[in-house]
Amino acid sequence: MQGQKIVGLYSPTDIEYSPTGETKDGVTRLTSVKHPRLHIYEPDQGKWNGHHIIVCPGGGYKILAIDKEGTEIAEWLTSLGYKAYVLEYTVPDNKSKAFEDLAHTIHKIRTLSDFGKDSKLGVIGFSAGGHLATTVSTKPDISLYEPTDGISEKPDFAVLIYPAYLDKGENQSLSPEVPLTEMTIPMFIFATADDPYAYSSVVLAEALQINKTSVEFHLLPEGGHGYGLRSGRAATTWPILCAEWLKIQNP
């Protein structure tokens, strides 16, 4: 992996504003992000496969688990040949701005000089970051921010690891903010049955199957929530399955 660099999402001067955060129990949590930034990770020279993936950490839209569900994930993605971007999206308590942040990131990457005609852009989200990734991936074809120039603000594929808050529809059905159509992108979903948010994954996977959208869904019996790439069977299983799925999406 080549060195990481950090850039402002909306303005080059955003890099001057460090987010507020703390490290506790081995996890660095950003508690206030007012000027969103991107941490950019590139594979070693000659190893890049031409594709890009945005990483959306979780944290309940209150904080961002920026290392466990962000930078550590980006390092793993570069080992698979992807250029990775960890998004420091707006927190706390501003979902609509977070949606705008991700849409703007997608637009920004699609305009890069190294985004070629055969390049694909994916998104991987954890917990609330999974909700963010799903919502932006399925939004109607309207711009979430101005100006609009016709460049897509949707990713080409999505990876959702223990996503949350997707079962807010009637009788715990799929949330109405996640409309599925014939254009819905392929998705990989992973969760465990003992996760308090597991039903979000279940209802999304079921709805995608009914919609005839390409979906791969794995539900392990145990593992809990918030493990990232760290310890436990779930944390070591999902990356193996996901890497194989990514090969199929991006041959």
Protein backbone atom coordinates (compact mmCIF):
# COMPACT_ATOMS: atom_id res chain seq x y z
CA MET A 1 0.00 0.00 0.00
CA GLN A 2 1.21 3.47 -0.87
CA GLY A 3 0.96 6.34 1.59
CA GLN A 4 -2.35 7.77 2.71
CA LYS A 5 -3.34 11.36 1.95
CA ILE A 6 -6.22 13.43 3.28
CA VAL A 7 -8.17 15.95 1.17
CA GLY A 8 -11.11 18.23 1.87
CA LEU A 9 -14.39 16.99 0.39
CA TYR A 10 -15.90 20.34 -0.55
CA SER A 11 -12.90 22.66 -0.34
CA PRO A 12 -9.11 22.24 -0.16
CA THR A 13 -9.16 24.32 3.02
CA ASP A 14 -11.30 21.69 4.78
CA ILE A 15 -8.11 19.78 5.48
CA GLU A 16 -7.18 22.53 7.93
CA TYR A 17 -10.11 21.60 10.19
CA SER A 18 -9.34 18.57 12.33
CA PRO A 19 -12.41 16.69 13.58
CA THR A 20 -13.00 16.26 17.30
CA GLY A 21 -12.38 12.75 18.56
CA GLU A 22 -11.09 10.38 21.20
CA THR A 23 -9.47 6.96 21.41
CA LYS A 24 -10.87 4.51 23.95
CA ASP A 25 -10.82 0.71 24.21
CA GLY A 26 -8.70 0.51 21.08
CA VAL A 27 -11.15 2.43 18.87
CA THR A 28 -10.76 6.00 17.61
CA ARG A 29 -14.11 7.76 17.49
CA LEU A 30 -14.67 11.07 15.72
CA THR A 31 -17.34 12.87 17.73
CA SER A 32 -17.75 16.00 15.60
CA VAL A 33 -17.14 16.39 11.87
CA LYS A 34 -18.13 19.77 10.45
CA HIS A 35 -15.79 19.82 7.45
CA PRO A 36 -15.95 16.39 5.74
CA ARG A 37 -12.70 14.94 4.44
CA LEU A 38 -11.50 11.93 2.46
CA HIS A 39 -8.65 9.65 3.49
CA ILE A 40 -7.29 8.28 0.20
CA TYR A 41 -5.46 4.95 0.07
CA GLU A 42 -3.81 3.60 -3.08
CA PRO A 43 -2.54 0.08 -3.78
CA ASP A 44 1.14 -0.54 -4.33
CA GLN A 45 2.42 0.52 -7.74
CA GLY A 46 1.31 -1.89 -10.43
CA LYS A 47 -1.34 -3.53 -8.23
CA TRP A 48 -4.32 -1.25 -8.93
CA ASN A 49 -7.24 -2.96 -10.69
CA GLY A 50 -8.71 0.32 -11.96
CA HIS A 51 -11.66 0.39 -9.54
CA HIS A 52 -12.58 2.59 -6.56
CA ILE A 53 -14.42 1.95 -3.26
CA ILE A 54 -15.70 4.47 -0.70
CA VAL A 55 -15.66 3.38 2.96
CA CYS A 56 -18.43 4.65 5.27
CA PRO A 57 -17.68 3.98 8.97
CA GLY A 58 -20.47 3.41 11.45
CA GLY A 59 -21.33 5.10 14.71
CA GLY A 60 -25.07 5.66 14.82
CA TYR A 61 -24.76 9.03 13.05
CA LYS A 62 -23.37 10.20 16.42
CA ILE A 63 -19.69 9.36 15.93
CA LEU A 64 -17.45 7.70 13.33
CA ALA A 65 -15.42 4.60 14.21
CA ILE A 66 -12.79 5.97 11.89
CA ASP A 67 -10.13 3.29 12.36
CA LYS A 68 -12.03 0.06 13.04
CA GLU A 69 -14.62 0.66 10.31
CA GLY A 70 -12.64 3.10 8.18
CA THR A 71 -8.89 3.19 7.73
CA GLU A 72 -8.40 -0.50 8.58
CA ILE A 73 -10.97 -1.38 5.92
CA ALA A 74 -9.24 0.85 3.37
CA GLU A 75 -5.93 -0.90 3.97
CA TRP A 76 -7.63 -4.25 3.35
CA LEU A 77 -9.23 -2.98 0.14
CA THR A 78 -5.88 -1.80 -1.21
CA SER A 79 -4.53 -5.32 -0.64
CA LEU A 80 -7.25 -6.47 -3.07
CA GLY A 81 -6.17 -3.90 -5.64
CA TYR A 82 -8.75 -1.15 -5.03
CA LYS A 83 -8.21 2.55 -4.56
CA ALA A 84 -10.06 3.30 -1.30
CA TYR A 85 -11.53 6.47 0.16
CA VAL A 86 -12.54 6.70 3.82
CA LEU A 87 -15.28 9.29 4.13
CA GLU A 88 -15.38 11.47 7.23
CA TYR A 89 -19.05 12.38 6.81
CA THR A 90 -20.91 14.94 8.90
CA VAL A 91 -21.66 13.95 12.52
CA PRO A 92 -23.37 14.17 14.89
CA ASP A 93 -27.10 13.99 14.14
CA ASN A 94 -27.33 15.23 10.57
CA LYS A 95 -28.39 12.37 8.31
CA SER A 96 -29.41 14.56 5.39
CA LYS A 97 -25.98 16.20 5.34
CA ALA A 98 -24.31 12.78 5.57
CA PHE A 99 -26.35 11.66 2.53
CA GLU A 100 -25.16 14.77 0.69
CA ASP A 101 -21.56 14.08 1.72
CA LEU A 102 -21.62 10.59 0.23
CA ALA A 103 -23.37 11.70 -2.96
CA HIS A 104 -20.79 14.45 -3.40
CA THR A 105 -17.98 11.94 -2.84
CA ILE A 106 -19.37 9.66 -5.55
CA HIS A 107 -19.64 12.59 -7.95
CA LYS A 108 -16.13 13.78 -7.08
CA ILE A 109 -14.52 10.38 -7.70
CA ARG A 110 -16.33 9.93 -11.02
CA THR A 111 -14.73 13.16 -12.25
CA LEU A 112 -11.16 12.14 -11.38
CA SER A 113 -8.68 11.81 -14.22
CA ASP A 114 -7.97 8.18 -13.28
CA PHE A 115 -11.67 7.20 -13.37
CA GLY A 116 -11.75 5.54 -16.78
CA LYS A 117 -14.58 4.27 -18.95
CA ASP A 118 -14.13 0.78 -17.52
CA SER A 119 -13.72 1.90 -13.90
CA LYS A 120 -16.34 0.94 -11.33
CA LEU A 121 -17.12 2.72 -8.10
CA GLY A 122 -18.41 0.85 -5.07
CA VAL A 123 -19.31 1.72 -1.50
CA ILE A 124 -18.85 -0.31 1.69
CA GLY A 125 -20.69 0.69 4.85
CA PHE A 126 -20.79 -0.54 8.43
CA SER A 127 -23.78 -0.18 10.78
CA ALA A 128 -25.03 3.41 10.30
CA GLY A 129 -22.55 3.64 7.44
CA GLY A 130 -24.40 0.70 5.90
CA HIS A 131 -27.65 2.62 6.22
CA LEU A 132 -25.97 5.62 4.59
CA ALA A 133 -24.60 3.50 1.74
CA THR A 134 -27.95 1.80 1.13
CA THR A 135 -29.94 5.03 1.19
CA VAL A 136 -27.72 6.85 -1.28
CA SER A 137 -27.44 3.74 -3.48
CA THR A 138 -31.22 3.50 -3.85
CA LYS A 139 -32.24 7.15 -3.91
CA PRO A 140 -34.26 8.48 -6.86
CA ASP A 141 -32.33 9.93 -9.79
CA ILE A 142 -32.22 13.46 -8.44
CA SER A 143 -29.20 15.37 -7.25
CA LEU A 144 -28.66 15.51 -3.49
CA TYR A 145 -26.67 18.70 -3.84
CA GLU A 146 -26.15 21.57 -6.26
CA PRO A 147 -24.98 22.02 -8.90
CA THR A 148 -25.87 18.98 -10.98
CA ASP A 149 -24.11 18.14 -14.23
CA GLY A 150 -25.56 14.76 -15.11
CA ILE A 151 -22.74 12.75 -13.52
CA SER A 152 -24.16 9.85 -11.50
CA GLU A 153 -24.22 10.11 -7.73
CA LYS A 154 -24.92 6.40 -7.34
CA PRO A 155 -22.28 3.70 -6.89
CA ASP A 156 -22.05 0.64 -9.13
CA PHE A 157 -22.18 -1.88 -6.26
CA ALA A 158 -22.56 -1.86 -2.48
CA VAL A 159 -21.15 -3.92 0.40
CA LEU A 160 -23.17 -3.70 3.61
CA ILE A 161 -21.64 -5.12 6.77
CA TYR A 162 -24.08 -5.35 9.70
CA PRO A 163 -26.16 -2.41 8.36
CA ALA A 164 -28.64 -0.75 10.74
CA TYR A 165 -31.93 1.20 10.64
CA LEU A 166 -33.26 -0.37 7.43
CA ASP A 167 -36.34 -2.02 8.99
CA LYS A 168 -38.29 1.16 9.77
CA GLY A 169 -41.20 0.46 7.42
CA GLU A 170 -44.66 -0.71 8.48
CA ASN A 171 -44.49 -3.88 10.62
CA GLN A 172 -40.68 -3.79 10.51
CA SER A 173 -40.60 -3.92 6.73
CA LEU A 174 -37.95 -2.24 4.59
CA SER A 175 -37.73 1.47 5.24
CA PRO A 176 -39.58 3.62 2.68
CA GLU A 177 -36.42 5.69 2.22
CA VAL A 178 -34.94 2.66 0.43
CA PRO A 179 -36.97 2.36 -2.80
CA LEU A 180 -35.98 -0.59 -4.98
CA THR A 181 -36.32 -0.53 -8.77
CA GLU A 182 -35.08 -2.47 -11.77
CA MET A 183 -32.01 -0.20 -11.66
CA THR A 184 -31.02 -1.10 -8.08
CA ILE A 185 -27.33 -2.01 -7.91
CA PRO A 186 -25.87 -5.40 -6.83
CA MET A 187 -25.34 -5.75 -3.09
CA PHE A 188 -23.38 -7.94 -0.67
CA ILE A 189 -24.83 -8.15 2.85
CA PHE A 190 -23.28 -9.74 5.94
CA ALA A 191 -24.60 -9.91 9.50
CA THR A 192 -25.00 -12.28 12.45
CA ALA A 193 -28.22 -13.52 14.05
CA ASP A 194 -27.29 -12.22 17.51
CA ASP A 195 -26.79 -8.68 16.22
CA PRO A 196 -29.56 -6.41 17.60
CA TYR A 197 -29.75 -4.84 14.13
CA ALA A 198 -29.77 -8.13 12.21
CA TYR A 199 -33.32 -7.69 10.95
CA SER A 200 -32.19 -4.73 8.85
CA SER A 201 -30.08 -7.13 6.81
CA VAL A 202 -32.85 -9.72 6.62
CA VAL A 203 -35.55 -7.35 5.34
CA LEU A 204 -33.19 -5.74 2.84
CA ALA A 205 -32.00 -9.08 1.46
CA GLU A 206 -35.57 -10.35 1.18
CA ALA A 207 -36.73 -7.19 -0.57
CA LEU A 208 -33.81 -7.33 -3.00
CA GLN A 209 -34.61 -10.96 -3.80
CA ILE A 210 -38.27 -10.12 -4.44
CA ASN A 211 -37.13 -7.21 -6.60
CA LYS A 212 -34.92 -9.62 -8.58
CA THR A 213 -31.84 -7.55 -7.72
CA SER A 214 -28.49 -9.33 -7.56
CA VAL A 215 -27.77 -9.91 -3.87
CA GLU A 216 -25.47 -12.16 -1.83
CA PHE A 217 -26.53 -12.45 1.81
CA HIS A 218 -24.74 -14.20 4.67
CA LEU A 219 -26.13 -14.55 8.20
CA LEU A 220 -23.86 -16.25 10.74
CA PRO A 221 -25.33 -17.42 14.06
CA GLU A 222 -22.98 -15.42 16.30
CA GLY A 223 -20.71 -12.42 16.17
CA GLY A 224 -22.65 -9.46 17.50
CA HIS A 225 -22.17 -5.98 16.06
CA GLY A 226 -19.29 -3.65 15.35
CA TYR A 227 -16.41 -6.10 14.85
CA GLY A 228 -14.96 -4.69 11.63
CA LEU A 229 -11.91 -6.73 10.65
CA ARG A 230 -10.82 -7.43 14.19
CA SER A 231 -11.47 -10.54 16.31
CA GLY A 232 -13.96 -13.38 16.04
CA ARG A 233 -15.32 -15.72 13.40
CA ALA A 234 -17.57 -13.09 11.83
CA ALA A 235 -14.70 -10.63 11.48
CA THR A 236 -12.54 -13.21 9.72
CA THR A 237 -15.34 -14.70 7.59
CA TRP A 238 -16.93 -11.72 5.87
CA PRO A 239 -13.72 -10.44 4.21
CA ILE A 240 -13.12 -13.82 2.56
CA LEU A 241 -16.67 -14.02 1.21
CA CYS A 242 -16.67 -10.37 0.21
CA ALA A 243 -13.37 -10.60 -1.65
CA GLU A 244 -14.77 -13.43 -3.78
CA TRP A 245 -17.94 -11.44 -4.48
CA LEU A 246 -15.88 -8.40 -5.48
CA LYS A 247 -13.97 -10.52 -7.99
CA ILE A 248 -17.28 -11.41 -9.64
CA GLN A 249 -18.44 -7.79 -9.73
CA ASN A 250 -15.12 -6.52 -11.05
CA PRO A 251 -13.49 -9.28 -13.10
